[in-house]
């Protein structure tokens, strides 16, 4: 279970125009972002130091062993990830 940042804060950060999103929407957004972070970690960097993939948005130092769902939640809590309805 993720206690920090609180779920209510995460929902508020994802809410466009003050309309609250559902917890399901929060789960989907966090899972998609966590998958992106995992893919980025798998790609790594090239021999020339060029990093491929999507970089983590959170300003905290990222440890390779840190749970990607926790990192995704921190990014949502910081307001760096937004939910866009397709």
PDB file of N, CA and C in Angstrom:
ATOM      1  N   UNK A   1       0.837  -1.174   0.000  1.00  0.00           N
ATOM      2  CA  UNK A   1       0.000   0.000   0.000  1.00  0.00           C
ATOM      3  C   UNK A   1       0.887   1.243   0.000  1.00  0.00           C
ATOM      4  N   UNK A   2       0.474   2.232  -0.746  1.00  0.00           N
ATOM      5  CA  UNK A   2       1.219   3.481  -0.824  1.00  0.00           C
ATOM      6  C   UNK A   2       0.559   4.495   0.105  1.00  0.00           C
ATOM      7  N   UNK A   3       1.316   4.986   1.081  1.00  0.00           N
ATOM      8  CA  UNK A   3       0.785   5.971   2.026  1.00  0.00           C
ATOM      9  C   UNK A   3       1.253   7.380   1.722  1.00  0.00           C
ATOM     10  N   UNK A   4       2.358   7.501   1.036  1.00  0.00           N
ATOM     11  CA  UNK A   4       2.935   8.811   0.765  1.00  0.00           C
ATOM     12  C   UNK A   4       3.261   8.917  -0.710  1.00  0.00           C
ATOM     13  N   UNK A   5       2.743   9.792  -1.457  1.00  0.00           N
ATOM     14  CA  UNK A   5       1.763  10.817  -1.115  1.00  0.00           C
ATOM     15  C   UNK A   5       0.366  10.227  -0.944  1.00  0.00           C
ATOM     16  N   UNK A   6      -0.496  10.904  -0.190  1.00  0.00           N
ATOM     17  CA  UNK A   6      -1.844  10.392   0.060  1.00  0.00           C
ATOM     18  C   UNK A   6      -2.662  10.282  -1.233  1.00  0.00           C
ATOM     19  N   UNK A   7      -3.544   9.302  -1.261  1.00  0.00           N
ATOM     20  CA  UNK A   7      -4.376   9.047  -2.436  1.00  0.00           C
ATOM     21  C   UNK A   7      -5.237  10.269  -2.766  1.00  0.00           C
ATOM     22  N   UNK A   8      -5.749  10.942  -1.758  1.00  0.00           N
ATOM     23  CA  UNK A   8      -6.577  12.130  -2.006  1.00  0.00           C
ATOM     24  C   UNK A   8      -5.799  13.214  -2.743  1.00  0.00           C
ATOM     25  N   UNK A   9      -4.535  13.391  -2.394  1.00  0.00           N
ATOM     26  CA  UNK A   9      -3.693  14.364  -3.088  1.00  0.00           C
ATOM     27  C   UNK A   9      -3.458  13.937  -4.539  1.00  0.00           C
ATOM     28  N   UNK A  10      -3.222  12.658  -4.753  1.00  0.00           N
ATOM     29  CA  UNK A  10      -2.998  12.158  -6.107  1.00  0.00           C
ATOM     30  C   UNK A  10      -4.229  12.369  -6.982  1.00  0.00           C
ATOM     31  N   UNK A  11      -5.406  12.111  -6.427  1.00  0.00           N
ATOM     32  CA  UNK A  11      -6.653  12.315  -7.174  1.00  0.00           C
ATOM     33  C   UNK A  11      -6.831  13.792  -7.491  1.00  0.00           C
ATOM     34  N   UNK A  12      -6.519  14.655  -6.532  1.00  0.00           N
ATOM     35  CA  UNK A  12      -6.644  16.097  -6.756  1.00  0.00           C
ATOM     36  C   UNK A  12      -5.689  16.569  -7.851  1.00  0.00           C
ATOM     37  N   UNK A  13      -4.471  16.027  -7.866  1.00  0.00           N
ATOM     38  CA  UNK A  13      -3.486  16.419  -8.883  1.00  0.00           C
ATOM     39  C   UNK A  13      -3.923  15.995 -10.284  1.00  0.00           C
ATOM     40  N   UNK A  14      -4.623  14.877 -10.389  1.00  0.00           N
ATOM     41  CA  UNK A  14      -5.063  14.389 -11.692  1.00  0.00           C
ATOM     42  C   UNK A  14      -6.364  15.022 -12.163  1.00  0.00           C
ATOM     43  N   UNK A  15      -7.049  15.728 -11.283  1.00  0.00           N
ATOM     44  CA  UNK A  15      -8.368  16.263 -11.599  1.00  0.00           C
ATOM     45  C   UNK A  15      -8.277  17.506 -12.475  1.00  0.00           C
ATOM     46  N   UNK A  16      -8.739  17.408 -13.730  1.00  0.00           N
ATOM     47  CA  UNK A  16      -8.746  18.591 -14.592  1.00  0.00           C
ATOM     48  C   UNK A  16      -9.945  19.478 -14.280  1.00  0.00           C
ATOM     49  N   UNK A  17      -9.746  20.756 -14.248  1.00  0.00           N
ATOM     50  CA  UNK A  17     -10.828  21.724 -14.045  1.00  0.00           C
ATOM     51  C   UNK A  17     -11.614  21.483 -12.763  1.00  0.00           C
ATOM     52  N   UNK A  18     -10.989  20.915 -11.757  1.00  0.00           N
ATOM     53  CA  UNK A  18     -11.660  20.713 -10.485  1.00  0.00           C
ATOM     54  C   UNK A  18     -12.630  19.537 -10.452  1.00  0.00           C
ATOM     55  N   UNK A  19     -12.776  18.836 -11.571  1.00  0.00           N
ATOM     56  CA  UNK A  19     -13.648  17.665 -11.610  1.00  0.00           C
ATOM     57  C   UNK A  19     -12.844  16.461 -11.160  1.00  0.00           C
ATOM     58  N   UNK A  20     -13.261  15.863 -10.061  1.00  0.00           N
ATOM     59  CA  UNK A  20     -12.500  14.781  -9.458  1.00  0.00           C
ATOM     60  C   UNK A  20     -12.505  13.531 -10.337  1.00  0.00           C
ATOM     61  N   UNK A  21     -11.335  12.929 -10.505  1.00  0.00           N
ATOM     62  CA  UNK A  21     -11.233  11.672 -11.246  1.00  0.00           C
ATOM     63  C   UNK A  21     -11.455  10.516 -10.276  1.00  0.00           C
ATOM     64  N   UNK A  22     -11.711   9.350 -10.810  1.00  0.00           N
ATOM     65  CA  UNK A  22     -11.965   8.178  -9.973  1.00  0.00           C
ATOM     66  C   UNK A  22     -10.657   7.539  -9.518  1.00  0.00           C
ATOM     67  N   UNK A  23     -10.755   6.681  -8.525  1.00  0.00           N
ATOM     68  CA  UNK A  23      -9.585   5.935  -8.069  1.00  0.00           C
ATOM     69  C   UNK A  23      -9.104   4.987  -9.162  1.00  0.00           C
ATOM     70  N   UNK A  24     -10.034   4.493  -9.950  1.00  0.00           N
ATOM     71  CA  UNK A  24      -9.677   3.634 -11.074  1.00  0.00           C
ATOM     72  C   UNK A  24      -8.783   4.402 -12.057  1.00  0.00           C
ATOM     73  N   UNK A  25      -9.137   5.628 -12.353  1.00  0.00           N
ATOM     74  CA  UNK A  25      -8.333   6.458 -13.247  1.00  0.00           C
ATOM     75  C   UNK A  25      -6.933   6.649 -12.667  1.00  0.00           C
ATOM     76  N   UNK A  26      -6.849   6.894 -11.385  1.00  0.00           N
ATOM     77  CA  UNK A  26      -5.556   7.039 -10.723  1.00  0.00           C
ATOM     78  C   UNK A  26      -4.730   5.766 -10.882  1.00  0.00           C
ATOM     79  N   UNK A  27      -5.349   4.618 -10.687  1.00  0.00           N
ATOM     80  CA  UNK A  27      -4.641   3.337 -10.830  1.00  0.00           C
ATOM     81  C   UNK A  27      -4.114   3.145 -12.242  1.00  0.00           C
ATOM     82  N   UNK A  28      -4.931   3.479 -13.234  1.00  0.00           N
ATOM     83  CA  UNK A  28      -4.529   3.310 -14.632  1.00  0.00           C
ATOM     84  C   UNK A  28      -3.363   4.231 -14.966  1.00  0.00           C
ATOM     85  N   UNK A  29      -3.453   5.482 -14.570  1.00  0.00           N
ATOM     86  CA  UNK A  29      -2.386   6.451 -14.863  1.00  0.00           C
ATOM     87  C   UNK A  29      -1.091   6.037 -14.178  1.00  0.00           C
ATOM     88  N   UNK A  30      -1.171   5.644 -12.905  1.00  0.00           N
ATOM     89  CA  UNK A  30       0.032   5.234 -12.174  1.00  0.00           C
ATOM     90  C   UNK A  30       0.643   3.975 -12.790  1.00  0.00           C
ATOM     91  N   UNK A  31      -0.184   3.030 -13.200  1.00  0.00           N
ATOM     92  CA  UNK A  31       0.322   1.798 -13.806  1.00  0.00           C
ATOM     93  C   UNK A  31       0.987   2.072 -15.155  1.00  0.00           C
ATOM     94  N   UNK A  32       0.385   2.942 -15.956  1.00  0.00           N
ATOM     95  CA  UNK A  32       0.983   3.271 -17.256  1.00  0.00           C
ATOM     96  C   UNK A  32       2.325   3.972 -17.074  1.00  0.00           C
ATOM     97  N   UNK A  33       2.390   4.897 -16.135  1.00  0.00           N
ATOM     98  CA  UNK A  33       3.647   5.611 -15.896  1.00  0.00           C
ATOM     99  C   UNK A  33       4.709   4.666 -15.346  1.00  0.00           C
ATOM    100  N   UNK A  34       4.308   3.743 -14.456  1.00  0.00           N
ATOM    101  CA  UNK A  34       5.253   2.777 -13.905  1.00  0.00           C
ATOM    102  C   UNK A  34       5.813   1.898 -15.023  1.00  0.00           C
ATOM    103  N   UNK A  35       4.972   1.505 -15.980  1.00  0.00           N
ATOM    104  CA  UNK A  35       5.428   0.702 -17.119  1.00  0.00           C
ATOM    105  C   UNK A  35       6.433   1.495 -17.963  1.00  0.00           C
ATOM    106  N   UNK A  36       6.177   2.783 -18.163  1.00  0.00           N
ATOM    107  CA  UNK A  36       7.113   3.615 -18.918  1.00  0.00           C
ATOM    108  C   UNK A  36       8.475   3.682 -18.221  1.00  0.00           C
ATOM    109  N   UNK A  37       8.465   3.822 -16.902  1.00  0.00           N
ATOM    110  CA  UNK A  37       9.716   3.894 -16.140  1.00  0.00           C
ATOM    111  C   UNK A  37      10.465   2.572 -16.251  1.00  0.00           C
ATOM    112  N   UNK A  38       9.748   1.454 -16.150  1.00  0.00           N
ATOM    113  CA  UNK A  38      10.384   0.143 -16.294  1.00  0.00           C
ATOM    114  C   UNK A  38      11.023  -0.028 -17.660  1.00  0.00           C
ATOM    115  N   UNK A  39      10.305   0.383 -18.698  1.00  0.00           N
ATOM    116  CA  UNK A  39      10.850   0.282 -20.047  1.00  0.00           C
ATOM    117  C   UNK A  39      12.100   1.143 -20.201  1.00  0.00           C
ATOM    118  N   UNK A  40      12.086   2.323 -19.594  1.00  0.00           N
ATOM    119  CA  UNK A  40      13.239   3.205 -19.666  1.00  0.00           C
ATOM    120  C   UNK A  40      14.440   2.571 -18.955  1.00  0.00           C
ATOM    121  N   UNK A  41      14.194   1.934 -17.818  1.00  0.00           N
ATOM    122  CA  UNK A  41      15.283   1.287 -17.095  1.00  0.00           C
ATOM    123  C   UNK A  41      15.860   0.126 -17.884  1.00  0.00           C
ATOM    124  N   UNK A  42      15.012  -0.602 -18.606  1.00  0.00           N
ATOM    125  CA  UNK A  42      15.477  -1.730 -19.399  1.00  0.00           C
ATOM    126  C   UNK A  42      16.329  -1.262 -20.577  1.00  0.00           C
ATOM    127  N   UNK A  43      15.973  -0.120 -21.161  1.00  0.00           N
ATOM    128  CA  UNK A  43      16.730   0.394 -22.305  1.00  0.00           C
ATOM    129  C   UNK A  43      18.093   0.916 -21.882  1.00  0.00           C
ATOM    130  N   UNK A  44      18.131   1.618 -20.764  1.00  0.00           N
ATOM    131  CA  UNK A  44      19.393   2.131 -20.244  1.00  0.00           C
ATOM    132  C   UNK A  44      20.021   3.182 -21.132  1.00  0.00           C
ATOM    133  N   UNK A  45      21.331   3.203 -21.135  1.00  0.00           N
ATOM    134  CA  UNK A  45      22.069   4.184 -21.935  1.00  0.00           C
ATOM    135  C   UNK A  45      22.942   3.466 -22.954  1.00  0.00           C
ATOM    136  N   UNK A  46      23.256   4.163 -24.010  1.00  0.00           N
ATOM    137  CA  UNK A  46      24.113   3.603 -25.056  1.00  0.00           C
ATOM    138  C   UNK A  46      25.578   3.767 -24.657  1.00  0.00           C
ATOM    139  N   UNK A  47      26.469   3.253 -25.483  1.00  0.00           N
ATOM    140  CA  UNK A  47      27.906   3.361 -25.224  1.00  0.00           C
ATOM    141  C   UNK A  47      28.378   4.812 -25.290  1.00  0.00           C
ATOM    142  N   UNK A  48      27.610   5.674 -25.967  1.00  0.00           N
ATOM    143  CA  UNK A  48      27.984   7.077 -26.114  1.00  0.00           C
ATOM    144  C   UNK A  48      27.391   7.966 -25.026  1.00  0.00           C
ATOM    145  N   UNK A  49      26.721   7.368 -24.042  1.00  0.00           N
ATOM    146  CA  UNK A  49      26.150   8.146 -22.955  1.00  0.00           C
ATOM    147  C   UNK A  49      24.794   8.744 -23.278  1.00  0.00           C
ATOM    148  N   UNK A  50      24.206   8.372 -24.404  1.00  0.00           N
ATOM    149  CA  UNK A  50      22.885   8.879 -24.769  1.00  0.00           C
ATOM    150  C   UNK A  50      21.838   8.009 -24.081  1.00  0.00           C
ATOM    151  N   UNK A  51      20.945   8.642 -23.356  1.00  0.00           N
ATOM    152  CA  UNK A  51      19.906   7.902 -22.661  1.00  0.00           C
ATOM    153  C   UNK A  51      18.689   7.786 -23.554  1.00  0.00           C
ATOM    154  N   UNK A  52      18.190   6.581 -23.672  1.00  0.00           N
ATOM    155  CA  UNK A  52      16.995   6.338 -24.467  1.00  0.00           C
ATOM    156  C   UNK A  52      15.797   6.175 -23.552  1.00  0.00           C
ATOM    157  N   UNK A  53      14.620   6.434 -24.077  1.00  0.00           N
ATOM    158  CA  UNK A  53      13.395   6.227 -23.315  1.00  0.00           C
ATOM    159  C   UNK A  53      12.974   7.458 -22.558  1.00  0.00           C
ATOM    160  N   UNK A  54      12.047   7.267 -21.660  1.00  0.00           N
ATOM    161  CA  UNK A  54      11.429   8.357 -20.903  1.00  0.00           C
ATOM    162  C   UNK A  54      12.130   8.472 -19.560  1.00  0.00           C
ATOM    163  N   UNK A  55      12.545   9.663 -19.237  1.00  0.00           N
ATOM    164  CA  UNK A  55      13.235   9.898 -17.985  1.00  0.00           C
ATOM    165  C   UNK A  55      12.229  10.088 -16.848  1.00  0.00           C
ATOM    166  N   UNK A  56      12.554   9.606 -15.636  1.00  0.00           N
ATOM    167  CA  UNK A  56      11.694   9.881 -14.486  1.00  0.00           C
ATOM    168  C   UNK A  56      11.573  11.384 -14.262  1.00  0.00           C
ATOM    169  N   UNK A  57      10.374  11.835 -13.948  1.00  0.00           N
ATOM    170  CA  UNK A  57      10.104  13.260 -13.779  1.00  0.00           C
ATOM    171  C   UNK A  57      10.362  13.755 -12.360  1.00  0.00           C
ATOM    172  N   UNK A  58      10.308  12.869 -11.384  1.00  0.00           N
ATOM    173  CA  UNK A  58      10.450  13.290  -9.987  1.00  0.00           C
ATOM    174  C   UNK A  58      11.854  13.811  -9.733  1.00  0.00           C
ATOM    175  N   UNK A  59      11.956  14.795  -8.874  1.00  0.00           N
ATOM    176  CA  UNK A  59      13.240  15.419  -8.579  1.00  0.00           C
ATOM    177  C   UNK A  59      14.059  14.625  -7.566  1.00  0.00           C
ATOM    178  N   UNK A  60      13.435  13.649  -6.899  1.00  0.00           N
ATOM    179  CA  UNK A  60      14.166  12.852  -5.929  1.00  0.00           C
ATOM    180  C   UNK A  60      15.197  12.002  -6.655  1.00  0.00           C
ATOM    181  N   UNK A  61      16.263  11.656  -5.928  1.00  0.00           N
ATOM    182  CA  UNK A  61      17.257  10.776  -6.537  1.00  0.00           C
ATOM    183  C   UNK A  61      16.617   9.406  -6.741  1.00  0.00           C
ATOM    184  N   UNK A  62      16.806   8.866  -7.911  1.00  0.00           N
ATOM    185  CA  UNK A  62      16.177   7.608  -8.282  1.00  0.00           C
ATOM    186  C   UNK A  62      17.167   6.479  -8.078  1.00  0.00           C
ATOM    187  N   UNK A  63      16.786   5.526  -7.245  1.00  0.00           N
ATOM    188  CA  UNK A  63      17.611   4.351  -7.026  1.00  0.00           C
ATOM    189  C   UNK A  63      17.131   3.248  -7.957  1.00  0.00           C
ATOM    190  N   UNK A  64      18.026   2.460  -8.514  1.00  0.00           N
ATOM    191  CA  UNK A  64      17.601   1.382  -9.411  1.00  0.00           C
ATOM    192  C   UNK A  64      16.653   0.394  -8.745  1.00  0.00           C
ATOM    193  N   UNK A  65      16.758   0.235  -7.425  1.00  0.00           N
ATOM    194  CA  UNK A  65      15.911  -0.730  -6.731  1.00  0.00           C
ATOM    195  C   UNK A  65      14.588  -0.121  -6.259  1.00  0.00           C
ATOM    196  N   UNK A  66      14.392   1.188  -6.461  1.00  0.00           N
ATOM    197  CA  UNK A  66      13.172   1.827  -5.982  1.00  0.00           C
ATOM    198  C   UNK A  66      11.959   1.319  -6.755  1.00  0.00           C
ATOM    199  N   UNK A  67      10.891   1.087  -6.041  1.00  0.00           N
ATOM    200  CA  UNK A  67       9.656   0.596  -6.641  1.00  0.00           C
ATOM    201  C   UNK A  67       9.140   1.624  -7.647  1.00  0.00           C
ATOM    202  N   UNK A  68       8.876   1.168  -8.868  1.00  0.00           N
ATOM    203  CA  UNK A  68       8.465   2.090  -9.924  1.00  0.00           C
ATOM    204  C   UNK A  68       7.078   2.657  -9.679  1.00  0.00           C
ATOM    205  N   UNK A  69       6.218   1.931  -8.992  1.00  0.00           N
ATOM    206  CA  UNK A  69       4.891   2.449  -8.684  1.00  0.00           C
ATOM    207  C   UNK A  69       4.978   3.587  -7.668  1.00  0.00           C
ATOM    208  N   UNK A  70       5.886   3.471  -6.726  1.00  0.00           N
ATOM    209  CA  UNK A  70       6.111   4.553  -5.760  1.00  0.00           C
ATOM    210  C   UNK A  70       6.649   5.781  -6.489  1.00  0.00           C
ATOM    211  N   UNK A  71       7.581   5.570  -7.403  1.00  0.00           N
ATOM    212  CA  UNK A  71       8.136   6.681  -8.172  1.00  0.00           C
ATOM    213  C   UNK A  71       7.059   7.349  -9.023  1.00  0.00           C
ATOM    214  N   UNK A  72       6.211   6.542  -9.674  1.00  0.00           N
ATOM    215  CA  UNK A  72       5.107   7.091 -10.472  1.00  0.00           C
ATOM    216  C   UNK A  72       4.156   7.894  -9.590  1.00  0.00           C
ATOM    217  N   UNK A  73       3.876   7.406  -8.388  1.00  0.00           N
ATOM    218  CA  UNK A  73       2.989   8.131  -7.464  1.00  0.00           C
ATOM    219  C   UNK A  73       3.601   9.456  -7.036  1.00  0.00           C
ATOM    220  N   UNK A  74       4.911   9.472  -6.815  1.00  0.00           N
ATOM    221  CA  UNK A  74       5.582  10.723  -6.452  1.00  0.00           C
ATOM    222  C   UNK A  74       5.489  11.728  -7.594  1.00  0.00           C
ATOM    223  N   UNK A  75       5.624  11.246  -8.829  1.00  0.00           N
ATOM    224  CA  UNK A  75       5.521  12.137  -9.982  1.00  0.00           C
ATOM    225  C   UNK A  75       4.108  12.698 -10.115  1.00  0.00           C
ATOM    226  N   UNK A  76       3.104  11.875  -9.889  1.00  0.00           N
ATOM    227  CA  UNK A  76       1.711  12.353  -9.940  1.00  0.00           C
ATOM    228  C   UNK A  76       1.484  13.368  -8.831  1.00  0.00           C
ATOM    229  N   UNK A  77       1.969  13.069  -7.628  1.00  0.00           N
ATOM    230  CA  UNK A  77       1.815  13.988  -6.498  1.00  0.00           C
ATOM    231  C   UNK A  77       2.505  15.320  -6.718  1.00  0.00           C
ATOM    232  N   UNK A  78       3.602  15.307  -7.477  1.00  0.00           N
ATOM    233  CA  UNK A  78       4.331  16.548  -7.777  1.00  0.00           C
ATOM    234  C   UNK A  78       3.670  17.334  -8.903  1.00  0.00           C
ATOM    235  N   UNK A  79       2.635  16.761  -9.521  1.00  0.00           N
ATOM    236  CA  UNK A  79       1.927  17.459 -10.591  1.00  0.00           C
ATOM    237  C   UNK A  79       2.610  17.353 -11.942  1.00  0.00           C
ATOM    238  N   UNK A  80       3.552  16.429 -12.087  1.00  0.00           N
ATOM    239  CA  UNK A  80       4.288  16.298 -13.340  1.00  0.00           C
ATOM    240  C   UNK A  80       3.604  15.369 -14.335  1.00  0.00           C
ATOM    241  N   UNK A  81       2.627  14.606 -13.883  1.00  0.00           N
ATOM    242  CA  UNK A  81       1.890  13.667 -14.739  1.00  0.00           C
ATOM    243  C   UNK A  81       0.425  14.074 -14.716  1.00  0.00           C
ATOM    244  N   UNK A  82      -0.182  14.133 -15.878  1.00  0.00           N
ATOM    245  CA  UNK A  82      -1.593  14.507 -16.004  1.00  0.00           C
ATOM    246  C   UNK A  82      -2.365  13.386 -16.692  1.00  0.00           C
ATOM    247  N   UNK A  83      -3.632  13.268 -16.359  1.00  0.00           N
ATOM    248  CA  UNK A  83      -4.511  12.300 -17.020  1.00  0.00           C
ATOM    249  C   UNK A  83      -5.212  13.016 -18.166  1.00  0.00           C
ATOM    250  N   UNK A  84      -5.145  12.402 -19.341  1.00  0.00           N
ATOM    251  CA  UNK A  84      -5.818  12.958 -20.516  1.00  0.00           C
ATOM    252  C   UNK A  84      -6.809  11.937 -21.007  1.00  0.00           C
ATOM    253  N   UNK A  85      -8.051  12.341 -21.093  1.00  0.00           N
ATOM    254  CA  UNK A  85      -9.094  11.431 -21.553  1.00  0.00           C
ATOM    255  C   UNK A  85      -8.995  11.273 -23.068  1.00  0.00           C
ATOM    256  N   UNK A  86      -8.948  10.008 -23.503  1.00  0.00           N
ATOM    257  CA  UNK A  86      -8.846   9.728 -24.941  1.00  0.00           C
ATOM    258  C   UNK A  86     -10.170   9.889 -25.636  1.00  0.00           C
TER     259      UNK A  86
END
